[in-house]
């Protein structure tokens, strides 16, 4: 008599599963040859820099070029920018637009902007030598055309200003032409210098 024929199928199935569960498959339990992640080294800062914190790293100001722009103390006044020509040309245009000074013409090859400017719009803000040097200015200027010239100065650039000659004045601006006076050009440069130093946002 075959006893297997009389055992319930459920008991046979349980016996088979129990037998399978007790078999140890070395293929799944031996991890000796599994790939392990590489050991990463720890980078240490160079000697003498261990104590530098983020707060000690100088940050670029949100507005203005700061020390990247300067103006000379001698006559004629000139703005100096620590920028190559094309960037200085662009920065000057941004400053003119920010100050709402009208650009009437431009010649990139010559580095020149023609602008309409009223020197009486100049606002004295500093108590330094520049404003003291212009304290003799009188409010007797009229709007006129001025020429701003950007020139290469090594790896930097410089900006100068002059009143356009009478033939270059346009329309009503001819009435503001005062060929013998250069103070208006100085006021224009001082205004631009202050804007570039404190307000200009490069784009």
C-alpha atoms as a PDB file:
ATOM      1  CA  UNK A   1       0.000   0.000   0.000  1.00  0.00           C
ATOM      2  CA  UNK A   2       1.365   3.407  -1.031  1.00  0.00           C
ATOM      3  CA  UNK A   3       0.894   5.862   1.877  1.00  0.00           C
ATOM      4  CA  UNK A   4       1.674   8.870  -0.319  1.00  0.00           C
ATOM      5  CA  UNK A   5      -1.555   8.301  -2.160  1.00  0.00           C
ATOM      6  CA  UNK A   6      -3.514   8.755   1.057  1.00  0.00           C
ATOM      7  CA  UNK A   7      -1.717  11.901   2.374  1.00  0.00           C
ATOM      8  CA  UNK A   8      -3.505  15.155   1.767  1.00  0.00           C
ATOM      9  CA  UNK A   9      -1.918  17.312  -0.923  1.00  0.00           C
ATOM     10  CA  UNK A  10      -1.662  20.220   1.527  1.00  0.00           C
ATOM     11  CA  UNK A  11       0.589  18.187   3.826  1.00  0.00           C
ATOM     12  CA  UNK A  12       2.836  17.265   0.930  1.00  0.00           C
ATOM     13  CA  UNK A  13       3.127  20.881  -0.096  1.00  0.00           C
ATOM     14  CA  UNK A  14       4.016  21.947   3.458  1.00  0.00           C
ATOM     15  CA  UNK A  15       6.707  19.295   3.657  1.00  0.00           C
ATOM     16  CA  UNK A  16       8.266  20.397   0.391  1.00  0.00           C
ATOM     17  CA  UNK A  17       8.329  24.082   1.433  1.00  0.00           C
ATOM     18  CA  UNK A  18       9.900  23.236   4.799  1.00  0.00           C
ATOM     19  CA  UNK A  19      12.627  21.258   3.071  1.00  0.00           C
ATOM     20  CA  UNK A  20      13.359  24.123   0.692  1.00  0.00           C
ATOM     21  CA  UNK A  21      13.554  26.610   3.554  1.00  0.00           C
ATOM     22  CA  UNK A  22      16.246  24.655   5.353  1.00  0.00           C
ATOM     23  CA  UNK A  23      18.566  24.384   2.382  1.00  0.00           C
ATOM     24  CA  UNK A  24      21.319  26.982   2.674  1.00  0.00           C
ATOM     25  CA  UNK A  25      22.210  28.407  -0.693  1.00  0.00           C
ATOM     26  CA  UNK A  26      25.766  29.744  -0.442  1.00  0.00           C
ATOM     27  CA  UNK A  27      25.245  31.743  -3.638  1.00  0.00           C
ATOM     28  CA  UNK A  28      22.924  34.162  -1.762  1.00  0.00           C
ATOM     29  CA  UNK A  29      24.626  34.298   1.633  1.00  0.00           C
ATOM     30  CA  UNK A  30      28.303  34.623   0.759  1.00  0.00           C
ATOM     31  CA  UNK A  31      29.129  38.276   0.116  1.00  0.00           C
ATOM     32  CA  UNK A  32      32.884  37.923   0.183  1.00  0.00           C
ATOM     33  CA  UNK A  33      33.233  38.686  -3.503  1.00  0.00           C
ATOM     34  CA  UNK A  34      30.682  41.482  -3.746  1.00  0.00           C
ATOM     35  CA  UNK A  35      31.999  44.832  -5.081  1.00  0.00           C
ATOM     36  CA  UNK A  36      32.566  47.361  -2.319  1.00  0.00           C
ATOM     37  CA  UNK A  37      32.417  51.181  -2.718  1.00  0.00           C
ATOM     38  CA  UNK A  38      35.790  52.926  -2.996  1.00  0.00           C
ATOM     39  CA  UNK A  39      37.325  54.605   0.025  1.00  0.00           C
ATOM     40  CA  UNK A  40      37.248  58.391  -0.436  1.00  0.00           C
ATOM     41  CA  UNK A  41      40.011  60.586   0.900  1.00  0.00           C
ATOM     42  CA  UNK A  42      39.331  63.718   2.950  1.00  0.00           C
ATOM     43  CA  UNK A  43      40.570  66.968   1.424  1.00  0.00           C
ATOM     44  CA  UNK A  44      42.332  69.203   3.900  1.00  0.00           C
ATOM     45  CA  UNK A  45      42.775  72.973   3.300  1.00  0.00           C
ATOM     46  CA  UNK A  46      46.287  74.239   2.548  1.00  0.00           C
ATOM     47  CA  UNK A  47      48.404  75.173   5.510  1.00  0.00           C
ATOM     48  CA  UNK A  48      47.486  78.536   6.952  1.00  0.00           C
ATOM     49  CA  UNK A  49      43.944  78.537   5.565  1.00  0.00           C
ATOM     50  CA  UNK A  50      42.264  76.322   8.135  1.00  0.00           C
ATOM     51  CA  UNK A  51      40.645  79.242   9.969  1.00  0.00           C
ATOM     52  CA  UNK A  52      39.230  81.144   6.966  1.00  0.00           C
ATOM     53  CA  UNK A  53      35.472  81.440   7.254  1.00  0.00           C
ATOM     54  CA  UNK A  54      32.884  82.448   4.647  1.00  0.00           C
ATOM     55  CA  UNK A  55      32.354  85.791   6.383  1.00  0.00           C
ATOM     56  CA  UNK A  56      36.013  86.682   5.762  1.00  0.00           C
ATOM     57  CA  UNK A  57      35.733  86.256   1.970  1.00  0.00           C
ATOM     58  CA  UNK A  58      35.120  89.695   0.398  1.00  0.00           C
ATOM     59  CA  UNK A  59      31.824  89.966  -1.432  1.00  0.00           C
ATOM     60  CA  UNK A  60      31.114  92.063  -4.480  1.00  0.00           C
ATOM     61  CA  UNK A  61      28.703  94.892  -3.647  1.00  0.00           C
ATOM     62  CA  UNK A  62      25.147  94.539  -4.939  1.00  0.00           C
ATOM     63  CA  UNK A  63      25.351  97.932  -6.624  1.00  0.00           C
ATOM     64  CA  UNK A  64      28.181 100.049  -7.932  1.00  0.00           C
ATOM     65  CA  UNK A  65      31.666  99.198  -9.172  1.00  0.00           C
ATOM     66  CA  UNK A  66      33.315 100.339  -5.939  1.00  0.00           C
ATOM     67  CA  UNK A  67      37.098 100.470  -6.194  1.00  0.00           C
ATOM     68  CA  UNK A  68      36.998  99.335  -9.838  1.00  0.00           C
ATOM     69  CA  UNK A  69      36.229 102.932 -10.801  1.00  0.00           C
ATOM     70  CA  UNK A  70      38.236 106.029  -9.879  1.00  0.00           C
ATOM     71  CA  UNK A  71      38.620 109.642 -10.958  1.00  0.00           C
ATOM     72  CA  UNK A  72      41.836 111.631 -11.123  1.00  0.00           C
ATOM     73  CA  UNK A  73      42.562 114.721  -9.076  1.00  0.00           C
ATOM     74  CA  UNK A  74      44.173 116.768 -11.836  1.00  0.00           C
ATOM     75  CA  UNK A  75      42.638 118.674 -14.714  1.00  0.00           C
ATOM     76  CA  UNK A  76      41.258 117.579 -17.078  1.00  0.00           C
ATOM     77  CA  UNK A  77      39.180 115.137 -15.082  1.00  0.00           C
ATOM     78  CA  UNK A  78      39.057 111.535 -16.293  1.00  0.00           C
ATOM     79  CA  UNK A  79      37.268 108.443 -15.028  1.00  0.00           C
ATOM     80  CA  UNK A  80      39.331 105.277 -14.934  1.00  0.00           C
ATOM     81  CA  UNK A  81      37.639 101.867 -15.095  1.00  0.00           C
ATOM     82  CA  UNK A  82      39.279  98.526 -14.330  1.00  0.00           C
ATOM     83  CA  UNK A  83      37.507  97.146 -17.400  1.00  0.00           C
ATOM     84  CA  UNK A  84      38.562  96.472 -21.005  1.00  0.00           C
ATOM     85  CA  UNK A  85      37.258  98.855 -23.656  1.00  0.00           C
ATOM     86  CA  UNK A  86      34.081  97.030 -24.711  1.00  0.00           C
ATOM     87  CA  UNK A  87      32.896  96.463 -21.134  1.00  0.00           C
ATOM     88  CA  UNK A  88      33.687 100.074 -20.206  1.00  0.00           C
ATOM     89  CA  UNK A  89      31.754 101.219 -23.289  1.00  0.00           C
ATOM     90  CA  UNK A  90      28.768  99.144 -22.193  1.00  0.00           C
ATOM     91  CA  UNK A  91      29.016 100.279 -18.542  1.00  0.00           C
ATOM     92  CA  UNK A  92      29.050 103.925 -19.625  1.00  0.00           C
ATOM     93  CA  UNK A  93      25.870 103.411 -21.635  1.00  0.00           C
ATOM     94  CA  UNK A  94      24.214 101.713 -18.634  1.00  0.00           C
ATOM     95  CA  UNK A  95      25.169 104.661 -16.405  1.00  0.00           C
ATOM     96  CA  UNK A  96      23.832 107.212 -18.901  1.00  0.00           C
ATOM     97  CA  UNK A  97      20.519 105.364 -19.144  1.00  0.00           C
ATOM     98  CA  UNK A  98      20.303 105.031 -15.361  1.00  0.00           C
ATOM     99  CA  UNK A  99      20.839 108.785 -15.005  1.00  0.00           C
ATOM    100  CA  UNK A 100      18.334 109.450 -17.808  1.00  0.00           C
ATOM    101  CA  UNK A 101      20.927 111.361 -19.822  1.00  0.00           C
ATOM    102  CA  UNK A 102      19.873 111.362 -23.479  1.00  0.00           C
ATOM    103  CA  UNK A 103      22.286 109.754 -25.957  1.00  0.00           C
ATOM    104  CA  UNK A 104      21.912 111.631 -29.245  1.00  0.00           C
ATOM    105  CA  UNK A 105      24.580 109.750 -31.209  1.00  0.00           C
ATOM    106  CA  UNK A 106      27.385 107.221 -30.796  1.00  0.00           C
ATOM    107  CA  UNK A 107      30.490 106.128 -32.686  1.00  0.00           C
ATOM    108  CA  UNK A 108      31.831 102.864 -31.273  1.00  0.00           C
ATOM    109  CA  UNK A 109      34.975 102.905 -33.445  1.00  0.00           C
ATOM    110  CA  UNK A 110      35.913 106.261 -31.938  1.00  0.00           C
ATOM    111  CA  UNK A 111      34.633 105.287 -28.479  1.00  0.00           C
ATOM    112  CA  UNK A 112      32.368 108.360 -28.417  1.00  0.00           C
ATOM    113  CA  UNK A 113      28.897 109.049 -27.054  1.00  0.00           C
ATOM    114  CA  UNK A 114      27.146 112.319 -27.847  1.00  0.00           C
ATOM    115  CA  UNK A 115      24.821 113.237 -24.984  1.00  0.00           C
ATOM    116  CA  UNK A 116      22.514 116.076 -24.062  1.00  0.00           C
ATOM    117  CA  UNK A 117      23.272 117.330 -20.548  1.00  0.00           C
ATOM    118  CA  UNK A 118      22.486 120.307 -18.333  1.00  0.00           C
ATOM    119  CA  UNK A 119      25.371 120.866 -15.860  1.00  0.00           C
ATOM    120  CA  UNK A 120      22.940 122.516 -13.450  1.00  0.00           C
ATOM    121  CA  UNK A 121      21.509 119.018 -12.865  1.00  0.00           C
ATOM    122  CA  UNK A 122      24.706 118.080 -11.037  1.00  0.00           C
ATOM    123  CA  UNK A 123      24.030 117.275  -7.382  1.00  0.00           C
ATOM    124  CA  UNK A 124      26.896 117.688  -4.917  1.00  0.00           C
ATOM    125  CA  UNK A 125      26.852 114.779  -2.458  1.00  0.00           C
ATOM    126  CA  UNK A 126      30.396 114.377  -1.203  1.00  0.00           C
ATOM    127  CA  UNK A 127      32.518 116.798   0.767  1.00  0.00           C
ATOM    128  CA  UNK A 128      35.730 115.664  -0.916  1.00  0.00           C
ATOM    129  CA  UNK A 129      38.112 117.643  -3.066  1.00  0.00           C
ATOM    130  CA  UNK A 130      36.054 117.085  -6.206  1.00  0.00           C
ATOM    131  CA  UNK A 131      33.001 118.897  -4.944  1.00  0.00           C
ATOM    132  CA  UNK A 132      35.123 121.605  -3.370  1.00  0.00           C
ATOM    133  CA  UNK A 133      36.861 122.078  -6.716  1.00  0.00           C
ATOM    134  CA  UNK A 134      33.484 122.696  -8.372  1.00  0.00           C
ATOM    135  CA  UNK A 135      32.125 124.988  -5.669  1.00  0.00           C
ATOM    136  CA  UNK A 136      32.715 128.011  -7.902  1.00  0.00           C
ATOM    137  CA  UNK A 137      30.242 126.693 -10.477  1.00  0.00           C
ATOM    138  CA  UNK A 138      27.344 129.009 -11.095  1.00  0.00           C
ATOM    139  CA  UNK A 139      23.849 127.968 -12.050  1.00  0.00           C
ATOM    140  CA  UNK A 140      24.067 129.736 -15.374  1.00  0.00           C
ATOM    141  CA  UNK A 141      24.477 126.774 -17.688  1.00  0.00           C
ATOM    142  CA  UNK A 142      22.032 125.637 -20.310  1.00  0.00           C
ATOM    143  CA  UNK A 143      21.487 122.200 -21.768  1.00  0.00           C
ATOM    144  CA  UNK A 144      24.076 121.385 -24.427  1.00  0.00           C
ATOM    145  CA  UNK A 145      25.646 118.484 -26.313  1.00  0.00           C
ATOM    146  CA  UNK A 146      28.717 116.888 -24.738  1.00  0.00           C
ATOM    147  CA  UNK A 147      31.045 114.205 -26.065  1.00  0.00           C
ATOM    148  CA  UNK A 148      32.111 111.341 -23.816  1.00  0.00           C
ATOM    149  CA  UNK A 149      35.138 109.413 -25.085  1.00  0.00           C
ATOM    150  CA  UNK A 150      36.146 105.917 -23.947  1.00  0.00           C
ATOM    151  CA  UNK A 151      39.803 104.996 -24.568  1.00  0.00           C
ATOM    152  CA  UNK A 152      41.923 101.954 -23.829  1.00  0.00           C
ATOM    153  CA  UNK A 153      44.450 102.384 -21.034  1.00  0.00           C
ATOM    154  CA  UNK A 154      46.424  99.144 -20.992  1.00  0.00           C
ATOM    155  CA  UNK A 155      44.021  96.489 -19.697  1.00  0.00           C
ATOM    156  CA  UNK A 156      41.816  99.262 -18.250  1.00  0.00           C
ATOM    157  CA  UNK A 157      39.860 102.118 -19.808  1.00  0.00           C
ATOM    158  CA  UNK A 158      39.459 105.839 -19.220  1.00  0.00           C
ATOM    159  CA  UNK A 159      36.559 108.170 -19.946  1.00  0.00           C
ATOM    160  CA  UNK A 160      36.871 111.876 -20.718  1.00  0.00           C
ATOM    161  CA  UNK A 161      34.273 114.542 -21.487  1.00  0.00           C
ATOM    162  CA  UNK A 162      34.166 117.730 -23.523  1.00  0.00           C
ATOM    163  CA  UNK A 163      31.479 120.055 -24.769  1.00  0.00           C
ATOM    164  CA  UNK A 164      30.780 119.501 -28.459  1.00  0.00           C
ATOM    165  CA  UNK A 165      31.703 122.361 -30.800  1.00  0.00           C
ATOM    166  CA  UNK A 166      29.081 124.786 -31.969  1.00  0.00           C
ATOM    167  CA  UNK A 167      28.525 122.961 -35.269  1.00  0.00           C
ATOM    168  CA  UNK A 168      27.814 119.735 -33.372  1.00  0.00           C
ATOM    169  CA  UNK A 169      25.154 121.294 -31.168  1.00  0.00           C
ATOM    170  CA  UNK A 170      21.682 120.371 -32.305  1.00  0.00           C
ATOM    171  CA  UNK A 171      18.544 122.491 -32.457  1.00  0.00           C
ATOM    172  CA  UNK A 172      17.838 124.359 -29.247  1.00  0.00           C
ATOM    173  CA  UNK A 173      21.110 123.075 -27.756  1.00  0.00           C
ATOM    174  CA  UNK A 174      22.986 125.655 -29.823  1.00  0.00           C
ATOM    175  CA  UNK A 175      21.723 128.214 -27.314  1.00  0.00           C
ATOM    176  CA  UNK A 176      23.521 126.329 -24.527  1.00  0.00           C
ATOM    177  CA  UNK A 177      26.889 126.341 -26.253  1.00  0.00           C
ATOM    178  CA  UNK A 178      29.551 128.010 -24.153  1.00  0.00           C
ATOM    179  CA  UNK A 179      32.805 127.127 -25.849  1.00  0.00           C
ATOM    180  CA  UNK A 180      35.002 128.868 -23.320  1.00  0.00           C
ATOM    181  CA  UNK A 181      33.641 126.930 -20.330  1.00  0.00           C
ATOM    182  CA  UNK A 182      34.792 123.378 -19.564  1.00  0.00           C
ATOM    183  CA  UNK A 183      33.231 123.120 -16.098  1.00  0.00           C
ATOM    184  CA  UNK A 184      30.071 121.521 -17.512  1.00  0.00           C
ATOM    185  CA  UNK A 185      32.114 118.562 -18.787  1.00  0.00           C
ATOM    186  CA  UNK A 186      33.658 118.146 -15.323  1.00  0.00           C
ATOM    187  CA  UNK A 187      30.212 118.110 -13.735  1.00  0.00           C
ATOM    188  CA  UNK A 188      29.112 115.448 -16.222  1.00  0.00           C
ATOM    189  CA  UNK A 189      32.111 113.262 -15.362  1.00  0.00           C
ATOM    190  CA  UNK A 190      31.577 113.716 -11.621  1.00  0.00           C
ATOM    191  CA  UNK A 191      27.941 112.678 -11.957  1.00  0.00           C
ATOM    192  CA  UNK A 192      28.896 109.609 -13.981  1.00  0.00           C
ATOM    193  CA  UNK A 193      31.656 108.681 -11.535  1.00  0.00           C
ATOM    194  CA  UNK A 194      29.269 108.740  -8.577  1.00  0.00           C
ATOM    195  CA  UNK A 195      26.711 106.654 -10.437  1.00  0.00           C
ATOM    196  CA  UNK A 196      29.269 104.063 -11.539  1.00  0.00           C
ATOM    197  CA  UNK A 197      30.842 103.851  -8.107  1.00  0.00           C
ATOM    198  CA  UNK A 198      27.635 103.582  -6.072  1.00  0.00           C
ATOM    199  CA  UNK A 199      24.659 102.722  -8.287  1.00  0.00           C
ATOM    200  CA  UNK A 200      25.636 100.931 -11.481  1.00  0.00           C
ATOM    201  CA  UNK A 201      24.476  97.337 -11.854  1.00  0.00           C
ATOM    202  CA  UNK A 202      26.411  95.530 -14.584  1.00  0.00           C
ATOM    203  CA  UNK A 203      24.313  93.431 -16.960  1.00  0.00           C
END
